Amino acid sequence: MSYKNLSPSYKSFVMSLSSHVEANTYFEAVKHDCWRKAIQCEIFALESNQTWETLVLPKDKATIDSKWVFKIKYKVDADN
């Protein structure tokens, strides 16, 4: 892949995008301070909003699984 035909400003933009890496798993994410901070913020928000409660399930019921999804949000202040 060559960047030689890109304008300097677009080349800078593309290079900044490719320097950020999204974690694919929780174990990859916790190796990086920025993702650990994001996880802490998310857990705090879930707890503050009383999103769940811990209890003992009846034997005939199953838990609901969840998973972390790590995505970098670009233009977070833009109206989408």
Protein backbone atom coordinates (compact mmCIF):
# COMPACT_ATOMS: atom_id res chain seq x y z
CA MET A 1 0.00 0.00 0.00
CA SER A 2 1.37 3.39 -0.93
CA TYR A 3 0.51 6.76 0.55
CA LYS A 4 2.49 8.80 -1.98
CA ASN A 5 -0.56 10.02 -3.95
CA LEU A 6 -2.40 11.35 -0.89
CA SER A 7 -2.47 15.03 -0.02
CA PRO A 8 -0.42 15.87 3.08
CA SER A 9 -3.50 16.57 5.21
CA TYR A 10 -5.29 13.38 4.14
CA LYS A 11 -2.11 11.37 4.61
CA SER A 12 -1.85 12.71 8.15
CA PHE A 13 -5.49 11.79 8.80
CA VAL A 14 -5.05 8.24 7.45
CA MET A 15 -1.88 7.73 9.44
CA SER A 16 -3.59 8.84 12.65
CA LEU A 17 -6.40 6.35 12.06
CA SER A 18 -4.04 3.47 11.47
CA SER A 19 -2.08 4.24 14.62
CA HIS A 20 -5.09 3.42 16.83
CA VAL A 21 -5.80 -0.24 17.47
CA GLU A 22 -9.09 -1.68 18.66
CA ALA A 23 -8.88 -4.60 21.06
CA ASN A 24 -10.57 -7.81 19.95
CA THR A 25 -10.89 -9.34 23.40
CA TYR A 26 -11.09 -8.24 27.01
CA PHE A 27 -7.66 -9.76 27.65
CA GLU A 28 -6.13 -7.66 24.86
CA ALA A 29 -7.90 -4.54 26.13
CA VAL A 30 -6.75 -4.73 29.75
CA LYS A 31 -3.14 -4.56 28.60
CA HIS A 32 -3.71 -0.91 27.60
CA ASP A 33 -4.38 1.94 30.00
CA CYS A 34 -6.85 3.70 27.67
CA TRP A 35 -9.07 0.60 27.42
CA ARG A 36 -8.86 -0.07 31.18
CA LYS A 37 -10.08 3.50 31.80
CA ALA A 38 -12.93 3.01 29.31
CA ILE A 39 -13.93 -0.24 31.04
CA GLN A 40 -13.93 1.48 34.44
CA CYS A 41 -16.11 4.31 33.10
CA GLU A 42 -18.55 1.87 31.55
CA ILE A 43 -18.84 -0.21 34.73
CA PHE A 44 -19.35 2.96 36.78
CA ALA A 45 -22.15 4.07 34.40
CA LEU A 46 -23.84 0.65 34.55
CA GLU A 47 -23.68 0.63 38.35
CA SER A 48 -24.87 4.24 38.64
CA ASN A 49 -27.85 3.48 36.41
CA GLN A 50 -28.62 0.30 38.39
CA THR A 51 -28.52 -1.67 35.16
CA TRP A 52 -28.45 -5.04 36.90
CA GLU A 53 -28.71 -6.75 40.24
CA THR A 54 -26.97 -9.86 41.51
CA LEU A 55 -29.20 -12.70 42.69
CA VAL A 56 -29.44 -16.47 42.82
CA LEU A 57 -31.19 -17.88 39.75
CA PRO A 58 -33.79 -20.62 40.02
CA LYS A 59 -32.48 -23.95 38.72
CA ASP A 60 -34.74 -23.83 35.64
CA LYS A 61 -33.43 -20.41 34.50
CA ALA A 62 -30.30 -19.52 32.52
CA THR A 63 -28.10 -16.46 32.75
CA ILE A 64 -27.93 -13.87 30.00
CA ASP A 65 -24.45 -13.62 28.52
CA SER A 66 -22.75 -10.38 27.69
CA LYS A 67 -19.44 -9.41 26.15
CA TRP A 68 -17.21 -6.40 25.82
CA VAL A 69 -17.02 -4.74 22.40
CA PHE A 70 -14.11 -2.36 21.94
CA LYS A 71 -14.59 0.32 19.28
CA ILE A 72 -12.91 3.67 18.84
CA LYS A 73 -15.48 6.41 18.40
CA TYR A 74 -14.41 9.06 15.93
CA LYS A 75 -16.27 12.37 15.87
CA VAL A 76 -17.91 11.66 19.23
CA ASP A 77 -19.20 15.23 19.46
CA ALA A 78 -20.84 15.11 16.02
CA ASP A 79 -24.60 14.69 15.78
CA ASN A 80 -25.29 11.28 14.24
